[in-house]
C-alpha atoms as a PDB file:
ATOM      1  CA  MET A   1      14.055  30.933 -45.240  1.00  0.00           C
ATOM      2  CA  LYS A   2      15.803  34.353 -45.203  1.00  0.00           C
ATOM      3  CA  SER A   3      13.399  35.543 -47.963  1.00  0.00           C
ATOM      4  CA  LEU A   4      10.321  34.633 -46.125  1.00  0.00           C
ATOM      5  CA  LEU A   5      11.686  36.253 -42.856  1.00  0.00           C
ATOM      6  CA  LYS A   6      12.460  39.398 -44.877  1.00  0.00           C
ATOM      7  CA  LEU A   7       8.911  39.519 -46.094  1.00  0.00           C
ATOM      8  CA  ILE A   8       7.529  38.990 -42.567  1.00  0.00           C
ATOM      9  CA  PHE A   9       9.951  41.606 -41.163  1.00  0.00           C
ATOM     10  CA  SER A  10       8.965  44.203 -43.831  1.00  0.00           C
ATOM     11  CA  LEU A  11       5.242  43.725 -43.355  1.00  0.00           C
ATOM     12  CA  SER A  12       5.750  43.843 -39.592  1.00  0.00           C
ATOM     13  CA  LEU A  13       7.440  47.273 -40.010  1.00  0.00           C
ATOM     14  CA  VAL A  14       4.370  48.468 -41.873  1.00  0.00           C
ATOM     15  CA  PHE A  15       1.970  47.285 -39.230  1.00  0.00           C
ATOM     16  CA  ILE A  16       4.115  48.537 -36.372  1.00  0.00           C
ATOM     17  CA  SER A  17       4.250  51.960 -38.023  1.00  0.00           C
ATOM     18  CA  ILE A  18       0.546  52.054 -38.201  1.00  0.00           C
ATOM     19  CA  LEU A  19       0.309  50.920 -34.579  1.00  0.00           C
ATOM     20  CA  LEU A  20       2.700  53.604 -33.372  1.00  0.00           C
ATOM     21  CA  VAL A  21       0.655  56.248 -35.282  1.00  0.00           C
ATOM     22  CA  ILE A  22      -2.582  54.911 -33.673  1.00  0.00           C
ATOM     23  CA  LYS A  23      -1.032  54.838 -30.257  1.00  0.00           C
ATOM     24  CA  PHE A  24       0.428  58.315 -30.207  1.00  0.00           C
ATOM     25  CA  THR A  25      -2.611  59.977 -31.931  1.00  0.00           C
ATOM     26  CA  GLY A  26      -5.097  58.112 -29.679  1.00  0.00           C
ATOM     27  CA  VAL A  27      -7.369  57.506 -32.694  1.00  0.00           C
ATOM     28  CA  ILE A  28      -8.377  54.021 -31.371  1.00  0.00           C
ATOM     29  CA  THR A  29      -7.756  52.853 -27.842  1.00  0.00           C
ATOM     30  CA  ILE A  30      -9.365  50.115 -25.672  1.00  0.00           C
ATOM     31  CA  GLU A  31     -11.172  52.817 -23.794  1.00  0.00           C
ATOM     32  CA  LYS A  32     -12.677  54.191 -26.951  1.00  0.00           C
ATOM     33  CA  VAL A  33     -13.713  50.728 -28.200  1.00  0.00           C
ATOM     34  CA  GLU A  34     -15.463  50.208 -24.820  1.00  0.00           C
ATOM     35  CA  ASN A  35     -17.129  53.588 -24.958  1.00  0.00           C
ATOM     36  CA  TRP A  36     -18.414  52.922 -28.549  1.00  0.00           C
ATOM     37  CA  LEU A  37     -19.923  49.626 -27.428  1.00  0.00           C
ATOM     38  CA  LEU A  38     -21.279  51.243 -24.304  1.00  0.00           C
ATOM     39  CA  MET A  39     -23.030  54.046 -26.361  1.00  0.00           C
ATOM     40  CA  ALA A  40     -24.468  51.499 -28.706  1.00  0.00           C
ATOM     41  CA  LYS A  41     -25.651  49.174 -25.870  1.00  0.00           C
ATOM     42  CA  ASP A  42     -29.293  50.339 -25.950  1.00  0.00           C
ATOM     43  CA  THR A  43     -29.597  50.416 -29.700  1.00  0.00           C
ATOM     44  CA  GLY A  44     -30.231  46.671 -30.142  1.00  0.00           C
ATOM     45  CA  VAL A  45     -28.226  43.483 -30.569  1.00  0.00           C
ATOM     46  CA  ILE A  46     -27.960  43.744 -34.436  1.00  0.00           C
ATOM     47  CA  THR A  47     -26.418  47.200 -34.216  1.00  0.00           C
ATOM     48  CA  LEU A  48     -23.885  46.099 -31.579  1.00  0.00           C
ATOM     49  CA  ILE A  49     -22.946  43.006 -33.666  1.00  0.00           C
ATOM     50  CA  LEU A  50     -22.433  45.279 -36.746  1.00  0.00           C
ATOM     51  CA  ILE A  51     -20.240  47.702 -34.642  1.00  0.00           C
ATOM     52  CA  VAL A  52     -18.122  44.778 -33.387  1.00  0.00           C
ATOM     53  CA  ILE A  53     -17.716  43.582 -36.961  1.00  0.00           C
ATOM     54  CA  VAL A  54     -16.659  47.023 -38.187  1.00  0.00           C
ATOM     55  CA  ILE A  55     -14.204  47.524 -35.350  1.00  0.00           C
ATOM     56  CA  LEU A  56     -12.574  44.204 -35.974  1.00  0.00           C
ATOM     57  CA  LEU A  57     -12.444  44.717 -39.745  1.00  0.00           C
ATOM     58  CA  SER A  58     -10.516  47.935 -39.172  1.00  0.00           C
ATOM     59  CA  ASP A  59      -7.780  45.899 -37.585  1.00  0.00           C
ATOM     60  CA  LEU A  60      -6.404  45.056 -41.013  1.00  0.00           C
ATOM     61  CA  LEU A  61      -5.446  48.697 -41.599  1.00  0.00           C
ATOM     62  CA  LEU A  62      -5.442  50.246 -38.043  1.00  0.00           C
ATOM     63  CA  SER A  63      -4.037  47.588 -35.735  1.00  0.00           C
ATOM     64  CA  ILE A  64      -6.770  47.897 -33.163  1.00  0.00           C
ATOM     65  CA  PRO A  65      -6.657  45.856 -29.780  1.00  0.00           C
ATOM     66  CA  THR A  66      -8.273  42.667 -31.248  1.00  0.00           C
ATOM     67  CA  LEU A  67      -8.188  40.570 -28.024  1.00  0.00           C
ATOM     68  CA  ALA A  68      -9.774  43.377 -25.924  1.00  0.00           C
ATOM     69  CA  THR A  69     -12.481  43.917 -28.615  1.00  0.00           C
ATOM     70  CA  VAL A  70     -13.297  40.208 -28.720  1.00  0.00           C
ATOM     71  CA  ILE A  71     -13.569  40.068 -24.873  1.00  0.00           C
ATOM     72  CA  LEU A  72     -15.616  43.238 -24.858  1.00  0.00           C
ATOM     73  CA  SER A  73     -18.041  41.803 -27.415  1.00  0.00           C
ATOM     74  CA  GLY A  74     -18.654  38.966 -25.005  1.00  0.00           C
ATOM     75  CA  TYR A  75     -19.239  41.355 -22.200  1.00  0.00           C
ATOM     76  CA  PHE A  76     -21.674  43.595 -24.035  1.00  0.00           C
ATOM     77  CA  LEU A  77     -23.481  40.932 -26.224  1.00  0.00           C
ATOM     78  CA  GLY A  78     -23.174  37.729 -24.148  1.00  0.00           C
ATOM     79  CA  HIS A  79     -21.334  34.671 -25.182  1.00  0.00           C
ATOM     80  CA  THR A  80     -23.386  33.600 -28.210  1.00  0.00           C
ATOM     81  CA  TYR A  81     -23.998  36.998 -29.994  1.00  0.00           C
ATOM     82  CA  GLY A  82     -20.422  38.053 -29.070  1.00  0.00           C
ATOM     83  CA  ALA A  83     -18.935  34.882 -30.530  1.00  0.00           C
ATOM     84  CA  VAL A  84     -20.981  35.347 -33.720  1.00  0.00           C
ATOM     85  CA  ALA A  85     -20.064  39.066 -34.094  1.00  0.00           C
ATOM     86  CA  SER A  86     -16.320  38.290 -33.362  1.00  0.00           C
ATOM     87  CA  LEU A  87     -16.188  35.233 -35.655  1.00  0.00           C
ATOM     88  CA  ILE A  88     -17.722  37.143 -38.564  1.00  0.00           C
ATOM     89  CA  GLY A  89     -15.362  40.049 -38.005  1.00  0.00           C
ATOM     90  CA  LEU A  90     -12.169  37.966 -37.657  1.00  0.00           C
ATOM     91  CA  MET A  91     -13.147  35.694 -40.643  1.00  0.00           C
ATOM     92  CA  LEU A  92     -13.680  38.721 -42.871  1.00  0.00           C
ATOM     93  CA  ILE A  93     -10.302  40.211 -41.803  1.00  0.00           C
ATOM     94  CA  GLY A  94      -8.554  37.060 -42.926  1.00  0.00           C
ATOM     95  CA  ILE A  95     -10.519  36.697 -46.142  1.00  0.00           C
ATOM     96  CA  LEU A  96     -10.022  40.366 -47.028  1.00  0.00           C
ATOM     97  CA  GLY A  97      -6.295  40.252 -46.243  1.00  0.00           C
ATOM     98  CA  TYR A  98      -5.948  37.188 -48.382  1.00  0.00           C
ATOM     99  CA  ILE A  99      -7.878  38.569 -51.381  1.00  0.00           C
ATOM    100  CA  LEU A 100      -6.215  41.975 -51.370  1.00  0.00           C
ATOM    101  CA  SER A 101      -2.755  40.364 -51.205  1.00  0.00           C
ATOM    102  CA  TYR A 102      -3.669  37.711 -53.712  1.00  0.00           C
ATOM    103  CA  TYR A 103      -4.557  40.348 -56.308  1.00  0.00           C
ATOM    104  CA  HIS A 104      -2.166  43.228 -55.409  1.00  0.00           C
ATOM    105  CA  GLY A 105       0.512  41.625 -53.161  1.00  0.00           C
ATOM    106  CA  GLU A 106       2.877  40.704 -56.034  1.00  0.00           C
ATOM    107  CA  LYS A 107       3.885  44.431 -56.482  1.00  0.00           C
ATOM    108  CA  ILE A 108       4.794  44.594 -52.780  1.00  0.00           C
ATOM    109  CA  GLU A 109       6.534  41.310 -52.921  1.00  0.00           C
ATOM    110  CA  LYS A 110       8.663  42.501 -55.810  1.00  0.00           C
ATOM    111  CA  ARG A 111       9.580  45.702 -53.993  1.00  0.00           C
ATOM    112  CA  ILE A 112      10.824  43.712 -50.914  1.00  0.00           C
ATOM    113  CA  LEU A 113      12.212  40.789 -52.844  1.00  0.00           C
ATOM    114  CA  PRO A 114      13.533  42.048 -56.251  1.00  0.00           C
ATOM    115  CA  SER A 115      15.157  38.683 -57.177  1.00  0.00           C
ATOM    116  CA  GLU A 116      12.829  36.057 -58.694  1.00  0.00           C
ATOM    117  CA  ASN A 117      14.910  33.436 -56.863  1.00  0.00           C
ATOM    118  CA  GLN A 118      14.184  35.166 -53.547  1.00  0.00           C
ATOM    119  CA  ARG A 119      10.477  35.260 -54.272  1.00  0.00           C
ATOM    120  CA  LEU A 120      10.459  31.554 -55.277  1.00  0.00           C
ATOM    121  CA  GLU A 121      12.280  30.706 -52.065  1.00  0.00           C
ATOM    122  CA  ALA A 122       9.852  32.705 -49.928  1.00  0.00           C
ATOM    123  CA  ARG A 123       6.784  31.002 -51.596  1.00  0.00           C
ATOM    124  CA  GLN A 124       8.304  27.477 -51.111  1.00  0.00           C
ATOM    125  CA  ASN A 125       8.998  28.224 -47.417  1.00  0.00           C
ATOM    126  CA  PHE A 126       5.613  29.621 -46.826  1.00  0.00           C
ATOM    127  CA  LYS A 127       4.014  26.624 -48.582  1.00  0.00           C
ATOM    128  CA  LYS A 128       5.992  24.416 -46.059  1.00  0.00           C
ATOM    129  CA  HIS A 129       5.510  26.593 -42.910  1.00  0.00           C
ATOM    130  CA  GLY A 130       2.494  28.797 -43.650  1.00  0.00           C
ATOM    131  CA  TYR A 131      -0.267  26.577 -42.378  1.00  0.00           C
ATOM    132  CA  SER A 132       1.140  26.278 -38.908  1.00  0.00           C
ATOM    133  CA  MET A 133       2.173  29.881 -38.951  1.00  0.00           C
ATOM    134  CA  ILE A 134      -1.511  30.720 -39.310  1.00  0.00           C
ATOM    135  CA  LEU A 135      -2.582  28.350 -36.703  1.00  0.00           C
ATOM    136  CA  PHE A 136      -0.289  29.793 -34.029  1.00  0.00           C
ATOM    137  CA  SER A 137      -0.371  33.373 -35.246  1.00  0.00           C
ATOM    138  CA  ARG A 138      -2.747  34.552 -32.483  1.00  0.00           C
ATOM    139  CA  ALA A 139       0.119  34.237 -29.988  1.00  0.00           C
ATOM    140  CA  ILE A 140       1.930  37.340 -31.449  1.00  0.00           C
ATOM    141  CA  PRO A 141       0.348  40.649 -32.158  1.00  0.00           C
ATOM    142  CA  MET A 142      -0.013  41.525 -35.876  1.00  0.00           C
ATOM    143  CA  LEU A 143       1.055  38.060 -36.988  1.00  0.00           C
ATOM    144  CA  PRO A 144      -2.453  36.993 -37.929  1.00  0.00           C
ATOM    145  CA  GLU A 145      -2.845  39.920 -40.371  1.00  0.00           C
ATOM    146  CA  ILE A 146       0.638  39.392 -41.670  1.00  0.00           C
ATOM    147  CA  SER A 147       0.152  35.673 -42.225  1.00  0.00           C
ATOM    148  CA  ALA A 148      -3.268  36.298 -44.057  1.00  0.00           C
ATOM    149  CA  CYS A 149      -1.437  38.717 -46.346  1.00  0.00           C
ATOM    150  CA  LEU A 150       1.412  36.241 -46.926  1.00  0.00           C
ATOM    151  CA  ALA A 151      -1.080  33.565 -47.703  1.00  0.00           C
ATOM    152  CA  GLY A 152      -2.589  35.599 -50.453  1.00  0.00           C
ATOM    153  CA  MET A 153       0.737  37.021 -51.717  1.00  0.00           C
ATOM    154  CA  THR A 154       2.198  33.528 -52.064  1.00  0.00           C
ATOM    155  CA  ASN A 155      -0.940  31.994 -53.633  1.00  0.00           C
ATOM    156  CA  MET A 156      -1.646  29.566 -50.801  1.00  0.00           C
ATOM    157  CA  PRO A 157      -4.863  27.623 -51.931  1.00  0.00           C
ATOM    158  CA  PHE A 158      -7.818  29.510 -50.486  1.00  0.00           C
ATOM    159  CA  LYS A 159      -9.354  26.392 -48.998  1.00  0.00           C
ATOM    160  CA  LYS A 160      -6.112  25.627 -47.176  1.00  0.00           C
ATOM    161  CA  PHE A 161      -5.893  29.215 -45.829  1.00  0.00           C
ATOM    162  CA  LEU A 162      -9.472  29.179 -44.778  1.00  0.00           C
ATOM    163  CA  SER A 163      -9.005  25.891 -42.966  1.00  0.00           C
ATOM    164  CA  ALA A 164      -6.034  27.076 -41.009  1.00  0.00           C
ATOM    165  CA  TRP A 165      -7.549  30.596 -40.314  1.00  0.00           C
ATOM    166  CA  SER A 166     -10.835  28.987 -39.058  1.00  0.00           C
ATOM    167  CA  LEU A 167      -8.944  26.579 -36.733  1.00  0.00           C
ATOM    168  CA  SER A 168      -6.925  29.553 -35.448  1.00  0.00           C
ATOM    169  CA  VAL A 169      -9.886  31.944 -34.948  1.00  0.00           C
ATOM    170  CA  THR A 170     -12.754  29.804 -33.623  1.00  0.00           C
ATOM    171  CA  PRO A 171     -11.354  28.495 -30.298  1.00  0.00           C
ATOM    172  CA  TYR A 172      -9.774  31.970 -29.650  1.00  0.00           C
ATOM    173  CA  VAL A 173     -13.209  33.623 -30.046  1.00  0.00           C
ATOM    174  CA  LEU A 174     -15.146  31.077 -28.152  1.00  0.00           C
ATOM    175  CA  ILE A 175     -12.846  31.300 -25.099  1.00  0.00           C
ATOM    176  CA  CYS A 176     -12.494  35.088 -25.051  1.00  0.00           C
ATOM    177  CA  THR A 177     -16.168  35.889 -25.592  1.00  0.00           C
ATOM    178  CA  TYR A 178     -17.105  33.542 -22.848  1.00  0.00           C
ATOM    179  CA  ALA A 179     -14.568  35.031 -20.499  1.00  0.00           C
ATOM    180  CA  GLY A 180     -16.051  38.458 -21.404  1.00  0.00           C
ATOM    181  CA  SER A 181     -19.670  37.309 -20.841  1.00  0.00           C
ATOM    182  CA  VAL A 182     -18.835  36.170 -17.250  1.00  0.00           C
ATOM    183  CA  SER A 183     -16.757  39.220 -16.412  1.00  0.00           C
ATOM    184  CA  SER A 184     -17.899  42.497 -15.010  1.00  0.00           C
ATOM    185  CA  ILE A 185     -16.310  45.866 -14.099  1.00  0.00           C
ATOM    186  CA  ASP A 186     -16.149  44.652 -10.460  1.00  0.00           C
ATOM    187  CA  ASN A 187     -14.790  41.262 -11.457  1.00  0.00           C
ATOM    188  CA  PRO A 188     -12.548  41.435 -14.541  1.00  0.00           C
ATOM    189  CA  THR A 189     -10.679  38.250 -13.407  1.00  0.00           C
ATOM    190  CA  PRO A 190     -12.097  35.886 -16.108  1.00  0.00           C
ATOM    191  CA  ALA A 191     -11.231  38.283 -18.932  1.00  0.00           C
ATOM    192  CA  ILE A 192      -7.693  38.712 -17.474  1.00  0.00           C
ATOM    193  CA  TYR A 193      -7.166  35.021 -17.154  1.00  0.00           C
ATOM    194  CA  SER A 194      -8.495  34.276 -20.700  1.00  0.00           C
ATOM    195  CA  ALA A 195      -6.147  36.800 -22.199  1.00  0.00           C
ATOM    196  CA  LEU A 196      -3.186  35.286 -20.497  1.00  0.00           C
ATOM    197  CA  GLY A 197      -4.321  31.752 -20.975  1.00  0.00           C
ATOM    198  CA  VAL A 198      -5.014  31.965 -24.587  1.00  0.00           C
ATOM    199  CA  ASN A 199      -1.487  33.266 -25.272  1.00  0.00           C
ATOM    200  CA  LEU A 200       0.000  30.736 -22.928  1.00  0.00           C
ATOM    201  CA  ILE A 201      -1.774  27.848 -24.647  1.00  0.00           C
ATOM    202  CA  LEU A 202      -0.752  29.030 -28.046  1.00  0.00           C
ATOM    203  CA  TRP A 203       2.880  29.292 -27.056  1.00  0.00           C
ATOM    204  CA  LEU A 204       2.814  25.905 -25.494  1.00  0.00           C
ATOM    205  CA  ALA A 205       1.230  24.364 -28.508  1.00  0.00           C
ATOM    206  CA  TRP A 206       3.997  25.960 -30.629  1.00  0.00           C
ATOM    207  CA  LEU A 207       6.736  24.634 -28.365  1.00  0.00           C
ATOM    208  CA  ILE A 208       5.308  21.157 -28.340  1.00  0.00           C
ATOM    209  CA  THR A 209       4.964  21.158 -32.111  1.00  0.00           C
ATOM    210  CA  ARG A 210       8.517  22.289 -32.401  1.00  0.00           C
ATOM    211  CA  LYS A 211       9.701  19.494 -30.118  1.00  0.00           C
ATOM    212  CA  VAL A 212       7.719  16.841 -31.915  1.00  0.00           C
ATOM    213  CA  ARG A 213       8.818  18.041 -35.398  1.00  0.00           C
ATOM    214  CA  GLY A 214      12.377  18.854 -34.535  1.00  0.00           C
ATOM    215  CA  SER A 215      14.156  21.041 -37.007  1.00  0.00           C
ATOM    216  CA  ASP A 216      10.994  21.451 -39.164  1.00  0.00           C
ATOM    217  CA  PRO A 217       8.377  22.539 -36.529  1.00  0.00           C
ATOM    218  CA  TYR A 218       5.904  23.951 -39.034  1.00  0.00           C
ATOM    219  CA  LYS A 219       5.793  21.286 -41.575  1.00  0.00           C
ATOM    220  CA  ILE A 220       2.377  20.326 -42.796  1.00  0.00           C
ATOM    221  CA  ASN A 221       2.163  17.396 -45.156  1.00  0.00           C
END
């Protein structure tokens, strides 16, 4: 398990470094995302959908505020179109992270884990725990992107990855875009409650899974 944790920690450092650069340079902020969508509001639904998709896709490299973007997509596009845009964007993030890591992740893996035994251990542990890691990844910032990269890097079957990623993304998007669609500047309460509620539900689901499965909380047969 140590090898897998080392991989996760090393990838986390990369994403945290990017996040700190973004934060201190102010390249992308929640306010800027909101302003971009506001400026594009009168350009039509298709343009807004494309902007949401592009913003979400950039999360793979720029660590943008994903939850806020999904909620804002519901606010500006309504529940249906906001959900479509966010689902497409988040599904593409996962698929792109998986594919890039599948073909190029081995070089990174060898740098982090120079020993073949360490790499084998990491792959075996991700095979055992990876599905549930992806399912609950939305509870922790940056973990979704990290888990998608790990899935490709460790050669998780694409159909299995896509199944876990879809189950993770779909309810998340539907809840958050709905909250955004019924929120307003004067009444942001639904959006706030959804942000807190989604994370609480994911944490509770993880705790229940841990209790039920005991010492192996992430095992997927």
